[in-house]
Amino acid sequence: MLSVTGDLTIHGITHEVTVPVSIDALTSSSRRPGPAFSTTFQIDRTEFGLNGSPKFSGFNISVAKNVQIHLAIVAAPPRP
């Protein structure tokens, strides 16, 4: 497990965050294996100006103040 620090920008607001990142087994999607990275972390959405409740087709949806973000990234070598 690694810790990666960088800038996270949401809704035009940027904060520096440090997240845990795991390097997963090599994958072979599209026949070009590369390392896979994943992370799951929590943010306070109100710190990024996301203060309201979204409305979908007239329904009010309740969203927690703290939300979880999960990212999975597969790095592939450049095409020849």
N, C-alpha and C. Protein backbone atom coordinates (compact mmCIF):
# COMPACT_ATOMS: atom_id res chain seq x y z
N MET A 1 0.85 -1.18 0.00
CA MET A 1 0.00 0.00 0.00
C MET A 1 0.89 1.24 0.00
N LEU A 2 0.57 2.17 -0.87
CA LEU A 2 1.29 3.43 -0.98
C LEU A 2 0.37 4.57 -0.58
N SER A 3 0.95 5.72 -0.28
CA SER A 3 0.18 6.94 -0.09
C SER A 3 0.55 7.89 -1.21
N VAL A 4 -0.47 8.43 -1.87
CA VAL A 4 -0.26 9.36 -2.98
C VAL A 4 -0.91 10.69 -2.61
N THR A 5 -0.14 11.78 -2.76
CA THR A 5 -0.63 13.12 -2.47
C THR A 5 -0.75 13.90 -3.76
N GLY A 6 -1.87 14.59 -3.91
CA GLY A 6 -2.08 15.40 -5.10
C GLY A 6 -3.25 16.33 -4.91
N ASP A 7 -3.54 17.10 -5.94
CA ASP A 7 -4.65 18.04 -5.90
C ASP A 7 -5.90 17.37 -6.44
N LEU A 8 -7.01 17.52 -5.72
CA LEU A 8 -8.31 17.03 -6.14
C LEU A 8 -9.19 18.25 -6.39
N THR A 9 -9.69 18.38 -7.61
CA THR A 9 -10.55 19.50 -7.96
C THR A 9 -11.94 18.96 -8.27
N ILE A 10 -12.91 19.48 -7.56
CA ILE A 10 -14.32 19.14 -7.78
C ILE A 10 -15.10 20.44 -7.76
N HIS A 11 -15.92 20.63 -8.77
CA HIS A 11 -16.79 21.81 -8.82
C HIS A 11 -15.98 23.11 -8.77
N GLY A 12 -14.75 23.07 -9.34
CA GLY A 12 -13.90 24.25 -9.41
C GLY A 12 -13.15 24.58 -8.13
N ILE A 13 -13.23 23.73 -7.13
CA ILE A 13 -12.54 23.95 -5.85
C ILE A 13 -11.48 22.87 -5.70
N THR A 14 -10.25 23.29 -5.38
CA THR A 14 -9.12 22.37 -5.29
C THR A 14 -8.63 22.25 -3.85
N HIS A 15 -8.41 21.01 -3.42
CA HIS A 15 -7.81 20.72 -2.12
C HIS A 15 -6.73 19.66 -2.32
N GLU A 16 -5.68 19.76 -1.54
CA GLU A 16 -4.66 18.71 -1.56
C GLU A 16 -5.16 17.54 -0.73
N VAL A 17 -5.05 16.34 -1.28
CA VAL A 17 -5.47 15.14 -0.57
C VAL A 17 -4.36 14.10 -0.63
N THR A 18 -4.32 13.26 0.38
CA THR A 18 -3.42 12.11 0.41
C THR A 18 -4.31 10.88 0.52
N VAL A 19 -4.15 9.95 -0.42
CA VAL A 19 -5.01 8.77 -0.45
C VAL A 19 -4.16 7.50 -0.47
N PRO A 20 -4.69 6.42 0.09
CA PRO A 20 -3.99 5.14 0.02
C PRO A 20 -4.18 4.52 -1.37
N VAL A 21 -3.13 4.01 -1.95
CA VAL A 21 -3.23 3.40 -3.28
C VAL A 21 -2.61 2.01 -3.22
N SER A 22 -3.34 1.04 -3.74
CA SER A 22 -2.78 -0.31 -3.82
C SER A 22 -2.44 -0.61 -5.28
N ILE A 23 -1.37 -1.37 -5.46
CA ILE A 23 -0.98 -1.82 -6.79
C ILE A 23 -1.47 -3.25 -6.90
N ASP A 24 -2.37 -3.47 -7.83
CA ASP A 24 -2.99 -4.78 -7.97
C ASP A 24 -2.24 -5.60 -9.01
N ALA A 25 -2.62 -6.85 -9.13
CA ALA A 25 -1.98 -7.75 -10.09
C ALA A 25 -2.11 -7.19 -11.51
N LEU A 26 -1.19 -7.57 -12.34
CA LEU A 26 -1.26 -7.15 -13.74
C LEU A 26 -2.55 -7.67 -14.36
N THR A 27 -3.13 -6.85 -15.21
CA THR A 27 -4.37 -7.25 -15.87
C THR A 27 -4.11 -7.41 -17.36
N SER A 28 -5.02 -8.05 -18.03
CA SER A 28 -4.82 -8.27 -19.46
C SER A 28 -6.04 -7.82 -20.26
N SER A 29 -6.70 -6.76 -19.84
CA SER A 29 -7.80 -6.26 -20.65
C SER A 29 -7.23 -5.70 -21.94
N SER A 30 -7.85 -5.96 -23.01
CA SER A 30 -7.45 -5.56 -24.36
C SER A 30 -6.08 -6.11 -24.75
N ARG A 31 -5.67 -7.21 -24.17
CA ARG A 31 -4.44 -7.94 -24.53
C ARG A 31 -3.16 -7.14 -24.34
N ARG A 32 -3.21 -6.07 -23.59
CA ARG A 32 -2.00 -5.27 -23.35
C ARG A 32 -1.87 -5.10 -21.84
N PRO A 33 -1.22 -6.03 -21.18
CA PRO A 33 -1.17 -5.99 -19.73
C PRO A 33 -0.44 -4.76 -19.20
N GLY A 34 -0.89 -4.31 -18.06
CA GLY A 34 -0.26 -3.19 -17.39
C GLY A 34 -0.65 -3.22 -15.93
N PRO A 35 0.02 -2.46 -15.10
CA PRO A 35 -0.32 -2.47 -13.68
C PRO A 35 -1.68 -1.82 -13.43
N ALA A 36 -2.34 -2.29 -12.41
CA ALA A 36 -3.64 -1.74 -12.02
C ALA A 36 -3.49 -1.10 -10.64
N PHE A 37 -4.05 0.08 -10.50
CA PHE A 37 -4.00 0.82 -9.24
C PHE A 37 -5.42 1.06 -8.77
N SER A 38 -5.64 1.01 -7.46
CA SER A 38 -6.97 1.32 -6.95
C SER A 38 -6.87 2.05 -5.62
N THR A 39 -7.90 2.84 -5.36
CA THR A 39 -7.98 3.58 -4.11
C THR A 39 -9.43 3.79 -3.74
N THR A 40 -9.69 3.85 -2.46
CA THR A 40 -11.00 4.22 -1.94
C THR A 40 -10.74 5.18 -0.79
N PHE A 41 -11.40 6.34 -0.85
CA PHE A 41 -11.22 7.33 0.21
C PHE A 41 -12.48 8.15 0.36
N GLN A 42 -12.56 8.88 1.45
CA GLN A 42 -13.73 9.68 1.77
C GLN A 42 -13.40 11.16 1.70
N ILE A 43 -14.38 11.95 1.23
CA ILE A 43 -14.25 13.40 1.27
C ILE A 43 -15.51 13.99 1.89
N ASP A 44 -15.38 15.21 2.39
CA ASP A 44 -16.52 15.99 2.83
C ASP A 44 -16.96 16.81 1.62
N ARG A 45 -18.08 16.46 1.02
CA ARG A 45 -18.49 17.11 -0.23
C ARG A 45 -18.74 18.59 -0.06
N THR A 46 -19.08 19.03 1.15
CA THR A 46 -19.36 20.45 1.37
C THR A 46 -18.09 21.30 1.27
N GLU A 47 -16.92 20.68 1.46
CA GLU A 47 -15.66 21.41 1.30
C GLU A 47 -15.38 21.74 -0.17
N PHE A 48 -16.11 21.09 -1.08
CA PHE A 48 -15.96 21.33 -2.50
C PHE A 48 -17.16 22.09 -3.08
N GLY A 49 -17.95 22.71 -2.21
CA GLY A 49 -19.08 23.51 -2.66
C GLY A 49 -20.30 22.72 -3.07
N LEU A 50 -20.32 21.44 -2.76
CA LEU A 50 -21.48 20.60 -3.09
C LEU A 50 -22.38 20.54 -1.86
N ASN A 51 -23.21 21.56 -1.72
CA ASN A 51 -24.00 21.72 -0.50
C ASN A 51 -25.46 21.34 -0.65
N GLY A 52 -25.96 21.32 -1.85
CA GLY A 52 -27.38 21.06 -2.04
C GLY A 52 -27.70 19.58 -2.13
N SER A 53 -28.99 19.31 -2.31
CA SER A 53 -29.45 17.95 -2.55
C SER A 53 -29.86 17.85 -4.01
N PRO A 54 -29.37 16.84 -4.72
CA PRO A 54 -29.72 16.72 -6.14
C PRO A 54 -31.18 16.35 -6.32
N LYS A 55 -31.75 16.74 -7.45
CA LYS A 55 -33.13 16.39 -7.78
C LYS A 55 -33.12 15.62 -9.09
N PHE A 56 -33.74 14.46 -9.09
CA PHE A 56 -33.83 13.63 -10.28
C PHE A 56 -35.29 13.38 -10.59
N SER A 57 -35.74 13.84 -11.73
CA SER A 57 -37.13 13.63 -12.17
C SER A 57 -38.13 14.01 -11.09
N GLY A 58 -37.87 15.09 -10.40
CA GLY A 58 -38.80 15.57 -9.38
C GLY A 58 -38.63 14.92 -8.01
N PHE A 59 -37.74 13.95 -7.89
CA PHE A 59 -37.50 13.30 -6.60
C PHE A 59 -36.37 13.99 -5.88
N ASN A 60 -36.49 14.19 -4.60
CA ASN A 60 -35.39 14.70 -3.79
C ASN A 60 -34.56 13.53 -3.31
N ILE A 61 -33.26 13.61 -3.52
CA ILE A 61 -32.33 12.55 -3.14
C ILE A 61 -31.48 13.06 -1.99
N SER A 62 -31.32 12.27 -0.96
CA SER A 62 -30.48 12.65 0.17
C SER A 62 -29.08 12.10 -0.03
N VAL A 63 -28.07 12.98 0.04
CA VAL A 63 -26.68 12.57 -0.11
C VAL A 63 -25.95 12.92 1.19
N ALA A 64 -25.20 11.99 1.71
CA ALA A 64 -24.47 12.21 2.96
C ALA A 64 -23.41 13.31 2.78
N LYS A 65 -23.06 13.95 3.88
CA LYS A 65 -22.02 14.98 3.85
C LYS A 65 -20.68 14.37 3.47
N ASN A 66 -20.37 13.21 4.03
CA ASN A 66 -19.13 12.50 3.69
C ASN A 66 -19.46 11.45 2.65
N VAL A 67 -18.77 11.51 1.51
CA VAL A 67 -19.01 10.55 0.44
C VAL A 67 -17.73 9.77 0.16
N GLN A 68 -17.91 8.55 -0.30
CA GLN A 68 -16.77 7.68 -0.59
C GLN A 68 -16.50 7.69 -2.08
N ILE A 69 -15.22 7.80 -2.44
CA ILE A 69 -14.79 7.79 -3.83
C ILE A 69 -13.93 6.54 -4.03
N HIS A 70 -14.21 5.82 -5.10
CA HIS A 70 -13.41 4.64 -5.44
C HIS A 70 -12.90 4.83 -6.87
N LEU A 71 -11.61 4.68 -7.06
CA LEU A 71 -10.99 4.78 -8.39
C LEU A 71 -10.22 3.50 -8.67
N ALA A 72 -10.33 3.02 -9.89
CA ALA A 72 -9.54 1.88 -10.35
C ALA A 72 -8.96 2.27 -11.71
N ILE A 73 -7.65 2.21 -11.83
CA ILE A 73 -6.96 2.67 -13.04
C ILE A 73 -6.04 1.56 -13.52
N VAL A 74 -6.08 1.28 -14.81
CA VAL A 74 -5.16 0.32 -15.41
C VAL A 74 -4.25 1.08 -16.35
N ALA A 75 -2.96 0.97 -16.11
CA ALA A 75 -1.97 1.64 -16.97
C ALA A 75 -1.57 0.69 -18.09
N ALA A 76 -1.57 1.20 -19.30
CA ALA A 76 -1.19 0.38 -20.44
C ALA A 76 -0.01 1.03 -21.14
N PRO A 77 0.88 0.23 -21.69
CA PRO A 77 2.00 0.81 -22.44
C PRO A 77 1.48 1.51 -23.69
N PRO A 78 2.23 2.46 -24.21
CA PRO A 78 1.76 3.15 -25.42
C PRO A 78 1.67 2.20 -26.61
N ARG A 79 0.79 2.52 -27.52
CA ARG A 79 0.65 1.69 -28.72
C ARG A 79 1.87 1.88 -29.61
N PRO A 80 2.33 0.82 -30.23
CA PRO A 80 3.50 0.93 -31.12
C PRO A 80 3.19 1.74 -32.36
